[in-house]
Amino acid sequence: MKGMTGLDFSAKADSKASRTVPLKNILLILILICSSVTLSGCVYLRILALRKQFTQFDKYVVVDKKDGLTFSFLTPTLYGNDIKWLGLTPVSQETKSGVTIWKHYLEKVYSNNQTETGNYDFTIDTRYQNEKLHAIYFPESFFTALPKEFFIALCKYIGQSDMDLDQGNREVRYTGGDVGSKHTLSSVKQDDIVQQFGIPYLVNNTDGINSLEYHYRVKERSTSTDTSEKTGTKYVYRFTFSQQDSLISFAVKIPIVGYIEFDFDKPELHAARN
């Protein structure tokens, strides 16, 4: 039997050999297994719990579109360590009125010494109470081309989709429900993406299907005593468009988790099973 940690457990262990294993070694193995589950499996479970809340998005999430875009979670599920585990380490943090605010800085990465005018780096704030993530804030400068409704629709789309991280299924497929969200996402054009994110790191064209890929690195501080900035983990975003210039998929490569692809063009999952 294989668990979520990827460890292989066999029921055919030699009984004689197992009797000779010192108790302290067995305890050490159990501690290592539990630690592994805590650092991976439990994070996945909390992510899946958040996705379940997105099935009733308006019930669990308060959206504020004033001065940027803020998602406030009425029933927080993720911890600050979960966010760090996913590679989104803060470049700075402060505490105000019992709320801890982490600022995350994502720096755009170019290929082949490309340069362009304008600043296409961006920041995101995550806010915590009692160590749990209770809000995510995107500044107004983030919305140069893509409307705020795009990001709201993406969250609702996740709630109306099939997503099974524990089984290694990295594809998020629409299962029906919020048709308006799906339409909002598919109505995005290539020019919108280029205006929002600038020159792509990579462009791929196959039979008229265009993919624009962008790479970003997370800036972080090395230690509390060393305030110099350094680049950390990399996130990769890929937008794929049909021949009619309609967004048909969005993929993001998340550290540890890998690629997760949101397919806006495929048939509904429940219909495919019939």
Protein backbone atom coordinates (compact mmCIF):
# COMPACT_ATOMS: atom_id res chain seq x y z
CA MET A 1 0.00 0.00 0.00
CA LYS A 2 1.37 3.41 -0.92
CA GLY A 3 0.50 6.40 1.27
CA MET A 4 0.30 10.08 0.41
CA THR A 5 3.94 10.52 1.35
CA GLY A 6 5.06 8.18 -1.46
CA LEU A 7 6.40 5.65 1.04
CA ASP A 8 5.75 2.00 0.17
CA PHE A 9 4.30 -0.11 2.98
CA SER A 10 4.48 -3.88 2.49
CA ALA A 11 2.31 -6.37 4.39
CA LYS A 12 4.78 -9.17 3.68
CA ALA A 13 7.44 -8.20 6.19
CA ASP A 14 9.48 -11.04 7.64
CA SER A 15 8.03 -11.68 11.10
CA LYS A 16 11.30 -12.94 12.56
CA ALA A 17 13.20 -9.90 11.37
CA SER A 18 10.50 -7.56 12.62
CA ARG A 19 10.82 -8.99 16.15
CA THR A 20 14.48 -8.01 16.23
CA VAL A 21 13.93 -4.35 15.36
CA PRO A 22 14.68 -2.24 18.45
CA LEU A 23 11.72 -0.32 19.82
CA LYS A 24 13.55 3.01 19.55
CA ASN A 25 14.06 2.41 15.80
CA ILE A 26 10.35 1.72 15.32
CA LEU A 27 9.50 4.93 17.18
CA LEU A 28 11.96 6.88 15.02
CA ILE A 29 10.39 5.47 11.84
CA LEU A 30 6.91 6.40 13.08
CA ILE A 31 8.06 9.94 13.91
CA LEU A 32 9.57 10.35 10.44
CA ILE A 33 6.39 9.07 8.76
CA CYS A 34 4.17 11.35 10.84
CA SER A 35 6.44 14.31 10.13
CA SER A 36 6.28 13.59 6.41
CA VAL A 37 2.48 13.38 6.47
CA THR A 38 2.29 16.62 8.47
CA LEU A 39 4.48 18.47 5.97
CA SER A 40 2.78 17.18 2.83
CA GLY A 41 -0.43 15.23 3.20
CA CYS A 42 -1.99 17.58 5.73
CA VAL A 43 -1.19 20.60 3.55
CA TYR A 44 -2.98 18.92 0.65
CA LEU A 45 -5.96 18.21 2.88
CA ARG A 46 -6.16 21.84 3.94
CA ILE A 47 -5.90 22.97 0.30
CA LEU A 48 -8.73 20.60 -0.60
CA ALA A 49 -10.76 21.97 2.32
CA LEU A 50 -10.29 25.48 0.93
CA ARG A 51 -11.35 24.28 -2.53
CA LYS A 52 -14.49 22.82 -0.97
CA GLN A 53 -15.29 26.24 0.49
CA PHE A 54 -15.00 27.69 -3.02
CA THR A 55 -18.00 25.53 -4.04
CA GLN A 56 -19.99 28.06 -1.98
CA PHE A 57 -17.66 30.95 -2.64
CA ASP A 58 -19.98 33.77 -1.56
CA LYS A 59 -20.70 31.98 1.74
CA TYR A 60 -17.07 31.55 2.80
CA VAL A 61 -15.23 34.41 1.09
CA VAL A 62 -15.81 38.16 1.38
CA VAL A 63 -14.56 40.12 -1.64
CA ASP A 64 -13.50 43.77 -1.34
CA LYS A 65 -12.70 45.50 -4.66
CA LYS A 66 -11.83 48.89 -3.16
CA ASP A 67 -8.19 49.97 -3.53
CA GLY A 68 -7.12 46.64 -5.04
CA LEU A 69 -8.68 43.25 -4.44
CA THR A 70 -8.99 41.49 -1.07
CA PHE A 71 -10.24 37.96 -0.44
CA SER A 72 -11.16 37.50 3.25
CA PHE A 73 -11.79 33.92 4.43
CA LEU A 74 -14.56 33.58 7.00
CA THR A 75 -13.41 30.06 7.93
CA PRO A 76 -9.61 30.05 7.53
CA THR A 77 -7.99 26.71 6.71
CA LEU A 78 -4.37 27.39 5.71
CA TYR A 79 -1.48 28.28 8.01
CA GLY A 80 1.47 30.57 7.39
CA ASN A 81 3.75 27.55 7.24
CA ASP A 82 1.55 26.11 4.47
CA ILE A 83 2.16 29.24 2.41
CA LYS A 84 5.92 28.98 3.00
CA TRP A 85 5.82 25.26 2.14
CA LEU A 86 4.32 26.21 -1.23
CA GLY A 87 7.35 28.43 -1.85
CA LEU A 88 5.66 31.79 -1.25
CA THR A 89 8.02 33.10 1.42
CA PRO A 90 7.64 36.72 2.57
CA VAL A 91 10.15 39.43 1.78
CA SER A 92 8.96 41.35 4.85
CA GLN A 93 6.39 41.15 7.59
CA GLU A 94 4.74 43.38 10.17
CA THR A 95 2.04 43.11 12.80
CA LYS A 96 -0.79 45.64 13.20
CA SER A 97 -3.64 45.31 15.70
CA GLY A 98 -3.09 41.58 16.07
CA VAL A 99 -2.90 40.98 12.30
CA THR A 100 0.39 39.74 10.85
CA ILE A 101 0.96 40.96 7.30
CA TRP A 102 3.39 39.18 4.98
CA LYS A 103 4.48 40.95 1.82
CA HIS A 104 5.47 38.68 -1.07
CA TYR A 105 7.50 40.03 -3.98
CA LEU A 106 7.54 38.13 -7.28
CA GLU A 107 10.27 39.22 -9.67
CA LYS A 108 9.85 38.57 -13.37
CA VAL A 109 12.50 36.34 -15.00
CA TYR A 110 13.53 36.90 -18.62
CA SER A 111 15.06 34.51 -21.16
CA ASN A 112 18.02 35.22 -23.47
CA ASN A 113 18.83 38.58 -21.87
CA GLN A 114 15.47 40.07 -22.82
CA THR A 115 14.66 43.55 -21.57
CA GLU A 116 11.55 45.71 -21.70
CA THR A 117 10.34 49.03 -20.44
CA GLY A 118 8.02 49.06 -17.48
CA ASN A 119 7.96 47.11 -14.26
CA TYR A 120 6.20 43.74 -14.45
CA ASP A 121 7.15 42.51 -11.00
CA PHE A 122 4.26 42.33 -8.57
CA THR A 123 3.51 42.07 -4.87
CA ILE A 124 0.87 40.18 -2.89
CA ASP A 125 0.00 40.53 0.80
CA THR A 126 -1.13 37.62 2.92
CA ARG A 127 -2.68 38.38 6.30
CA TYR A 128 -2.85 36.13 9.34
CA GLN A 129 -4.75 35.92 12.61
CA ASN A 130 -3.98 33.18 15.12
CA GLU A 131 -1.40 31.84 12.63
CA LYS A 132 -4.11 31.15 10.01
CA LEU A 133 -4.43 32.83 6.63
CA HIS A 134 -7.51 35.02 6.80
CA ALA A 135 -6.98 37.33 3.81
CA ILE A 136 -5.08 37.79 0.54
CA TYR A 137 -4.61 41.27 -0.89
CA PHE A 138 -3.69 42.26 -4.47
CA PRO A 139 -2.78 45.96 -4.92
CA GLU A 140 -4.59 48.15 -7.45
CA SER A 141 -1.45 48.29 -9.62
CA PHE A 142 -1.89 44.57 -10.27
CA PHE A 143 -4.93 45.16 -12.46
CA THR A 144 -3.49 46.97 -15.48
CA ALA A 145 -5.27 44.81 -18.06
CA LEU A 146 -6.98 41.83 -16.44
CA PRO A 147 -10.13 42.86 -14.54
CA LYS A 148 -10.66 41.95 -10.91
CA GLU A 149 -13.57 39.81 -12.06
CA PHE A 150 -11.07 37.48 -13.76
CA PHE A 151 -9.51 36.49 -10.42
CA ILE A 152 -12.88 36.22 -8.70
CA ALA A 153 -14.12 34.00 -11.55
CA LEU A 154 -10.98 31.82 -11.27
CA CYS A 155 -11.72 31.12 -7.59
CA LYS A 156 -15.35 30.27 -8.38
CA TYR A 157 -14.20 28.07 -11.25
CA ILE A 158 -12.02 26.09 -8.85
CA GLY A 159 -15.05 25.55 -6.64
CA GLN A 160 -17.04 24.15 -9.57
CA SER A 161 -14.26 21.85 -10.76
CA ASP A 162 -12.75 18.48 -9.99
CA MET A 163 -9.37 18.68 -8.25
CA ASP A 164 -7.65 15.74 -6.56
CA LEU A 165 -4.16 16.64 -5.39
CA ASP A 166 -3.76 13.57 -3.16
CA GLN A 167 -4.01 11.20 -6.12
CA GLY A 168 -1.51 13.21 -8.16
CA ASN A 169 -4.17 14.54 -10.53
CA ARG A 170 -2.87 18.02 -11.33
CA GLU A 171 -5.69 18.88 -13.71
CA VAL A 172 -8.61 21.04 -12.64
CA ARG A 173 -11.62 20.33 -14.86
CA TYR A 174 -14.96 22.07 -14.92
CA THR A 175 -17.87 20.04 -13.52
CA GLY A 176 -20.69 22.51 -14.13
CA GLY A 177 -22.36 25.19 -12.09
CA ASP A 178 -21.09 28.72 -12.43
CA VAL A 179 -21.24 29.16 -16.21
CA GLY A 180 -20.64 32.89 -15.87
CA SER A 181 -17.21 32.30 -14.32
CA LYS A 182 -16.20 29.97 -17.14
CA HIS A 183 -17.29 32.57 -19.71
CA THR A 184 -15.35 35.34 -17.93
CA LEU A 185 -12.18 33.24 -17.98
CA SER A 186 -12.44 32.13 -21.61
CA SER A 187 -13.12 35.70 -22.81
CA VAL A 188 -9.55 36.78 -21.98
CA LYS A 189 -7.40 37.54 -25.06
CA GLN A 190 -3.67 37.27 -25.70
CA ASP A 191 -3.30 41.05 -25.81
CA ASP A 192 -4.76 41.24 -22.29
CA ILE A 193 -2.10 38.87 -20.98
CA VAL A 194 0.77 40.67 -22.74
CA GLN A 195 -0.45 44.02 -21.47
CA GLN A 196 -0.71 42.62 -17.93
CA PHE A 197 2.55 40.63 -17.77
CA GLY A 198 4.70 42.01 -20.60
CA ILE A 199 7.01 40.00 -22.85
CA PRO A 200 6.60 36.22 -22.32
CA TYR A 201 9.51 34.08 -21.21
CA LEU A 202 8.53 31.58 -23.89
CA VAL A 203 6.01 31.50 -26.76
CA ASN A 204 4.93 28.23 -28.32
CA ASN A 205 2.66 27.78 -31.34
CA THR A 206 1.32 24.37 -32.35
CA ASP A 207 -1.31 24.16 -35.08
CA GLY A 208 -2.52 27.66 -34.32
CA ILE A 209 -2.70 27.04 -30.55
CA ASN A 210 -0.60 29.69 -28.81
CA SER A 211 0.94 29.33 -25.36
CA LEU A 212 2.49 32.26 -23.48
CA GLU A 213 4.74 31.30 -20.56
CA TYR A 214 5.92 33.60 -17.77
CA HIS A 215 8.49 32.88 -15.07
CA TYR A 216 8.65 34.61 -11.67
CA ARG A 217 10.97 34.19 -8.73
CA VAL A 218 9.96 34.83 -5.14
CA LYS A 219 12.21 37.27 -3.32
CA GLU A 220 12.96 36.48 0.30
CA ARG A 221 15.18 37.57 3.15
CA SER A 222 17.77 35.06 4.29
CA THR A 223 17.41 35.50 8.07
CA SER A 224 15.98 37.94 10.57
CA THR A 225 19.46 39.35 11.15
CA ASP A 226 20.50 39.46 7.49
CA THR A 227 18.06 41.82 5.72
CA SER A 228 19.59 41.42 2.26
CA GLU A 229 17.13 40.22 -0.37
CA LYS A 230 17.66 37.04 -2.37
CA THR A 231 15.64 35.18 -4.96
CA GLY A 232 13.93 31.99 -3.91
CA THR A 233 11.63 29.52 -5.58
CA LYS A 234 10.23 29.93 -9.08
CA TYR A 235 6.62 30.03 -10.20
CA VAL A 236 5.73 29.42 -13.85
CA TYR A 237 2.47 30.59 -15.46
CA ARG A 238 1.26 29.37 -18.85
CA PHE A 239 -1.71 30.79 -20.77
CA THR A 240 -2.95 28.81 -23.78
CA PHE A 241 -5.22 30.27 -26.47
CA SER A 242 -7.33 28.73 -29.19
CA GLN A 243 -7.13 29.69 -32.87
CA GLN A 244 -10.03 32.06 -32.15
CA ASP A 245 -7.90 33.84 -29.49
CA SER A 246 -9.92 32.52 -26.56
CA LEU A 247 -8.19 31.45 -23.34
CA ILE A 248 -8.65 27.67 -23.16
CA SER A 249 -6.29 26.80 -20.30
CA PHE A 250 -4.19 28.32 -17.55
CA ALA A 251 -1.41 26.35 -15.88
CA VAL A 252 0.71 27.26 -12.89
CA LYS A 253 3.80 25.44 -11.67
CA ILE A 254 3.87 25.56 -7.89
CA PRO A 255 6.98 24.48 -5.96
CA ILE A 256 6.54 21.04 -4.32
CA VAL A 257 3.10 20.49 -5.90
CA GLY A 258 4.12 20.76 -9.58
CA TYR A 259 1.95 21.87 -12.50
CA ILE A 260 -1.77 22.41 -11.97
CA GLU A 261 -3.74 23.05 -15.15
CA PHE A 262 -7.12 24.75 -15.34
CA ASP A 263 -8.91 23.65 -18.52
CA PHE A 264 -11.65 26.01 -19.68
CA ASP A 265 -12.27 24.35 -23.04
CA LYS A 266 -12.82 20.67 -22.19
CA PRO A 267 -16.25 19.02 -21.89
CA GLU A 268 -17.79 18.83 -18.44
CA LEU A 269 -16.28 16.03 -16.39
CA HIS A 270 -19.61 14.45 -15.41
CA ALA A 271 -20.68 14.38 -19.06
CA ALA A 272 -17.40 12.67 -20.05
CA ARG A 273 -18.08 9.90 -17.55
CA ASN A 274 -21.46 8.99 -19.06
